[in-house]
Amino acid sequence: MFSDRLVEALKRLNVNDPDSIKRFKRAIRNSFEAFLRFTHRYWFHEVSEQAHVRALFHQCSAHLGLDPLYAEVREAHRRT
């Protein structure tokens, strides 16, 4: 979702139009704020002290490739 927002903001950018640049900057700033809220509220690496729940969480996270996806989106926000 965050990656899609960045793509859409880039598609609408017209570097020759000052209003377009302002809208782009606003869209990027809003996207970054939403990403930070997501990170602080919902991104975590541990869900339980119980070993079997922790193992299941890590297995699901690894299977879905969540850490690399998160890192990719975080890096995309840093580059913009």
N, C-alpha and C. Protein backbone atom coordinates (compact mmCIF):
# COMPACT_ATOMS: atom_id res chain seq x y z
N MET A 1 0.82 -1.18 0.00
CA MET A 1 0.00 0.00 0.00
C MET A 1 0.87 1.25 0.00
N PHE A 2 1.90 1.27 0.86
CA PHE A 2 2.77 2.45 0.91
C PHE A 2 3.55 2.60 -0.38
N SER A 3 4.00 1.50 -0.91
CA SER A 3 4.72 1.53 -2.17
C SER A 3 3.83 2.05 -3.29
N ASP A 4 2.58 1.60 -3.32
CA ASP A 4 1.63 2.06 -4.33
C ASP A 4 1.37 3.56 -4.22
N ARG A 5 1.33 4.06 -3.01
CA ARG A 5 1.13 5.51 -2.82
C ARG A 5 2.29 6.29 -3.40
N LEU A 6 3.51 5.80 -3.20
CA LEU A 6 4.68 6.48 -3.74
C LEU A 6 4.66 6.48 -5.27
N VAL A 7 4.28 5.35 -5.84
CA VAL A 7 4.21 5.25 -7.30
C VAL A 7 3.18 6.23 -7.86
N GLU A 8 2.02 6.29 -7.23
CA GLU A 8 0.97 7.21 -7.69
C GLU A 8 1.43 8.66 -7.58
N ALA A 9 2.12 9.00 -6.51
CA ALA A 9 2.61 10.37 -6.35
C ALA A 9 3.61 10.70 -7.45
N LEU A 10 4.46 9.76 -7.79
CA LEU A 10 5.44 9.99 -8.86
C LEU A 10 4.76 10.11 -10.22
N LYS A 11 3.72 9.33 -10.46
CA LYS A 11 3.01 9.40 -11.74
C LYS A 11 2.38 10.77 -11.95
N ARG A 12 1.88 11.36 -10.88
CA ARG A 12 1.18 12.65 -10.99
C ARG A 12 2.14 13.84 -11.00
N LEU A 13 3.42 13.61 -10.74
CA LEU A 13 4.38 14.71 -10.65
C LEU A 13 4.71 15.27 -12.03
N ASN A 14 4.61 16.58 -12.14
CA ASN A 14 5.05 17.31 -13.33
C ASN A 14 6.06 18.33 -12.83
N VAL A 15 7.33 18.11 -13.13
CA VAL A 15 8.39 18.97 -12.58
C VAL A 15 8.34 20.40 -13.11
N ASN A 16 7.57 20.63 -14.15
CA ASN A 16 7.45 21.98 -14.71
C ASN A 16 6.31 22.77 -14.10
N ASP A 17 5.54 22.14 -13.23
CA ASP A 17 4.38 22.78 -12.61
C ASP A 17 4.61 22.92 -11.11
N PRO A 18 4.76 24.15 -10.61
CA PRO A 18 5.01 24.35 -9.17
C PRO A 18 3.91 23.77 -8.27
N ASP A 19 2.65 23.85 -8.72
CA ASP A 19 1.56 23.27 -7.93
C ASP A 19 1.67 21.75 -7.86
N SER A 20 2.10 21.15 -8.95
CA SER A 20 2.30 19.70 -8.98
C SER A 20 3.41 19.30 -8.02
N ILE A 21 4.46 20.09 -7.97
CA ILE A 21 5.57 19.81 -7.04
C ILE A 21 5.10 19.91 -5.60
N LYS A 22 4.28 20.92 -5.29
CA LYS A 22 3.73 21.06 -3.94
C LYS A 22 2.85 19.88 -3.57
N ARG A 23 1.99 19.46 -4.52
CA ARG A 23 1.13 18.29 -4.26
C ARG A 23 1.98 17.03 -4.06
N PHE A 24 3.04 16.90 -4.84
CA PHE A 24 3.93 15.76 -4.70
C PHE A 24 4.58 15.73 -3.32
N LYS A 25 5.13 16.87 -2.91
CA LYS A 25 5.76 16.95 -1.60
C LYS A 25 4.77 16.64 -0.48
N ARG A 26 3.56 17.15 -0.61
CA ARG A 26 2.52 16.90 0.39
C ARG A 26 2.16 15.41 0.42
N ALA A 27 2.04 14.80 -0.75
CA ALA A 27 1.70 13.37 -0.83
C ALA A 27 2.80 12.52 -0.21
N ILE A 28 4.05 12.87 -0.48
CA ILE A 28 5.18 12.12 0.08
C ILE A 28 5.21 12.28 1.60
N ARG A 29 5.03 13.51 2.05
CA ARG A 29 5.03 13.76 3.50
C ARG A 29 3.90 13.00 4.20
N ASN A 30 2.71 13.02 3.61
CA ASN A 30 1.58 12.29 4.18
C ASN A 30 1.82 10.79 4.18
N SER A 31 2.40 10.29 3.11
CA SER A 31 2.71 8.86 3.03
C SER A 31 3.74 8.48 4.09
N PHE A 32 4.75 9.30 4.26
CA PHE A 32 5.78 9.02 5.26
C PHE A 32 5.20 9.06 6.67
N GLU A 33 4.32 10.01 6.93
CA GLU A 33 3.67 10.08 8.25
C GLU A 33 2.84 8.83 8.51
N ALA A 34 2.10 8.38 7.50
CA ALA A 34 1.30 7.17 7.65
C ALA A 34 2.21 5.96 7.87
N PHE A 35 3.33 5.92 7.17
CA PHE A 35 4.28 4.82 7.34
C PHE A 35 4.85 4.81 8.75
N LEU A 36 5.18 5.97 9.27
CA LEU A 36 5.69 6.05 10.65
C LEU A 36 4.64 5.63 11.66
N ARG A 37 3.39 6.05 11.45
CA ARG A 37 2.31 5.62 12.35
C ARG A 37 2.17 4.10 12.32
N PHE A 38 2.21 3.53 11.12
CA PHE A 38 2.14 2.08 10.99
C PHE A 38 3.28 1.42 11.75
N THR A 39 4.49 1.93 11.56
CA THR A 39 5.66 1.35 12.21
C THR A 39 5.52 1.38 13.73
N HIS A 40 5.10 2.51 14.26
CA HIS A 40 5.01 2.64 15.71
C HIS A 40 3.86 1.85 16.31
N ARG A 41 2.79 1.69 15.56
CA ARG A 41 1.61 0.99 16.10
C ARG A 41 1.61 -0.51 15.84
N TYR A 42 2.03 -0.92 14.64
CA TYR A 42 1.76 -2.29 14.23
C TYR A 42 2.97 -3.13 13.87
N TRP A 43 4.14 -2.55 13.70
CA TRP A 43 5.30 -3.34 13.28
C TRP A 43 6.05 -3.81 14.52
N PHE A 44 6.10 -5.09 14.68
CA PHE A 44 6.79 -5.67 15.84
C PHE A 44 7.41 -6.99 15.43
N HIS A 45 8.39 -7.43 16.21
CA HIS A 45 9.11 -8.66 15.90
C HIS A 45 8.79 -9.79 16.86
N GLU A 46 8.14 -9.48 17.93
CA GLU A 46 7.77 -10.49 18.92
C GLU A 46 6.30 -10.33 19.27
N VAL A 47 5.58 -11.45 19.36
CA VAL A 47 4.16 -11.37 19.69
C VAL A 47 3.82 -12.04 21.01
N SER A 48 4.74 -12.86 21.51
CA SER A 48 4.41 -13.61 22.72
C SER A 48 5.68 -14.09 23.40
N GLU A 49 5.55 -14.37 24.66
CA GLU A 49 6.64 -14.99 25.41
C GLU A 49 6.61 -16.51 25.28
N GLN A 50 5.51 -17.04 24.79
CA GLN A 50 5.38 -18.49 24.65
C GLN A 50 6.16 -18.95 23.42
N ALA A 51 6.98 -19.96 23.61
CA ALA A 51 7.90 -20.40 22.56
C ALA A 51 7.18 -20.85 21.29
N HIS A 52 6.09 -21.62 21.43
CA HIS A 52 5.41 -22.12 20.24
C HIS A 52 4.72 -21.00 19.44
N VAL A 53 4.19 -20.00 20.12
CA VAL A 53 3.56 -18.87 19.44
C VAL A 53 4.63 -18.02 18.76
N ARG A 54 5.74 -17.81 19.45
CA ARG A 54 6.85 -17.05 18.89
C ARG A 54 7.40 -17.74 17.63
N ALA A 55 7.54 -19.07 17.70
CA ALA A 55 8.04 -19.83 16.55
C ALA A 55 7.08 -19.75 15.37
N LEU A 56 5.79 -19.84 15.64
CA LEU A 56 4.79 -19.75 14.58
C LEU A 56 4.81 -18.36 13.93
N PHE A 57 4.92 -17.33 14.75
CA PHE A 57 4.99 -15.97 14.23
C PHE A 57 6.20 -15.80 13.33
N HIS A 58 7.36 -16.26 13.78
CA HIS A 58 8.59 -16.15 12.98
C HIS A 58 8.48 -16.95 11.69
N GLN A 59 7.87 -18.11 11.76
CA GLN A 59 7.69 -18.94 10.57
C GLN A 59 6.80 -18.22 9.55
N CYS A 60 5.69 -17.69 10.00
CA CYS A 60 4.79 -16.95 9.10
C CYS A 60 5.47 -15.71 8.53
N SER A 61 6.17 -14.98 9.38
CA SER A 61 6.87 -13.78 8.94
C SER A 61 7.92 -14.10 7.89
N ALA A 62 8.67 -15.17 8.11
CA ALA A 62 9.70 -15.57 7.15
C ALA A 62 9.06 -16.05 5.85
N HIS A 63 7.99 -16.81 5.95
CA HIS A 63 7.31 -17.33 4.76
C HIS A 63 6.77 -16.19 3.89
N LEU A 64 6.21 -15.17 4.52
CA LEU A 64 5.67 -14.04 3.79
C LEU A 64 6.73 -13.04 3.35
N GLY A 65 7.94 -13.15 3.93
CA GLY A 65 9.01 -12.23 3.58
C GLY A 65 8.75 -10.82 4.06
N LEU A 66 8.21 -10.70 5.27
CA LEU A 66 7.80 -9.39 5.77
C LEU A 66 8.97 -8.44 6.02
N ASP A 67 10.05 -8.93 6.57
CA ASP A 67 11.18 -8.04 6.86
C ASP A 67 11.77 -7.42 5.60
N PRO A 68 12.03 -8.20 4.55
CA PRO A 68 12.55 -7.58 3.32
C PRO A 68 11.55 -6.59 2.68
N LEU A 69 10.27 -6.92 2.73
CA LEU A 69 9.27 -6.00 2.18
C LEU A 69 9.23 -4.70 2.97
N TYR A 70 9.27 -4.81 4.28
CA TYR A 70 9.27 -3.62 5.13
C TYR A 70 10.51 -2.77 4.83
N ALA A 71 11.66 -3.41 4.74
CA ALA A 71 12.91 -2.69 4.46
C ALA A 71 12.86 -2.00 3.10
N GLU A 72 12.25 -2.65 2.13
CA GLU A 72 12.13 -2.06 0.79
C GLU A 72 11.29 -0.79 0.81
N VAL A 73 10.16 -0.83 1.49
CA VAL A 73 9.29 0.34 1.56
C VAL A 73 9.94 1.43 2.40
N ARG A 74 10.58 1.05 3.50
CA ARG A 74 11.27 2.05 4.33
C ARG A 74 12.35 2.76 3.52
N GLU A 75 13.10 2.01 2.74
CA GLU A 75 14.16 2.60 1.92
C GLU A 75 13.58 3.51 0.83
N ALA A 76 12.46 3.11 0.25
CA ALA A 76 11.81 3.95 -0.75
C ALA A 76 11.39 5.28 -0.16
N HIS A 77 10.92 5.28 1.07
CA HIS A 77 10.55 6.54 1.73
C HIS A 77 11.78 7.38 2.02
N ARG A 78 12.88 6.75 2.37
CA ARG A 78 14.10 7.52 2.67
C ARG A 78 14.66 8.18 1.41
N ARG A 79 14.49 7.52 0.26
CA ARG A 79 15.05 8.07 -0.99
C ARG A 79 14.24 9.25 -1.50
N THR A 80 12.97 9.35 -1.11
CA THR A 80 12.13 10.43 -1.65
C THR A 80 12.23 11.68 -0.83
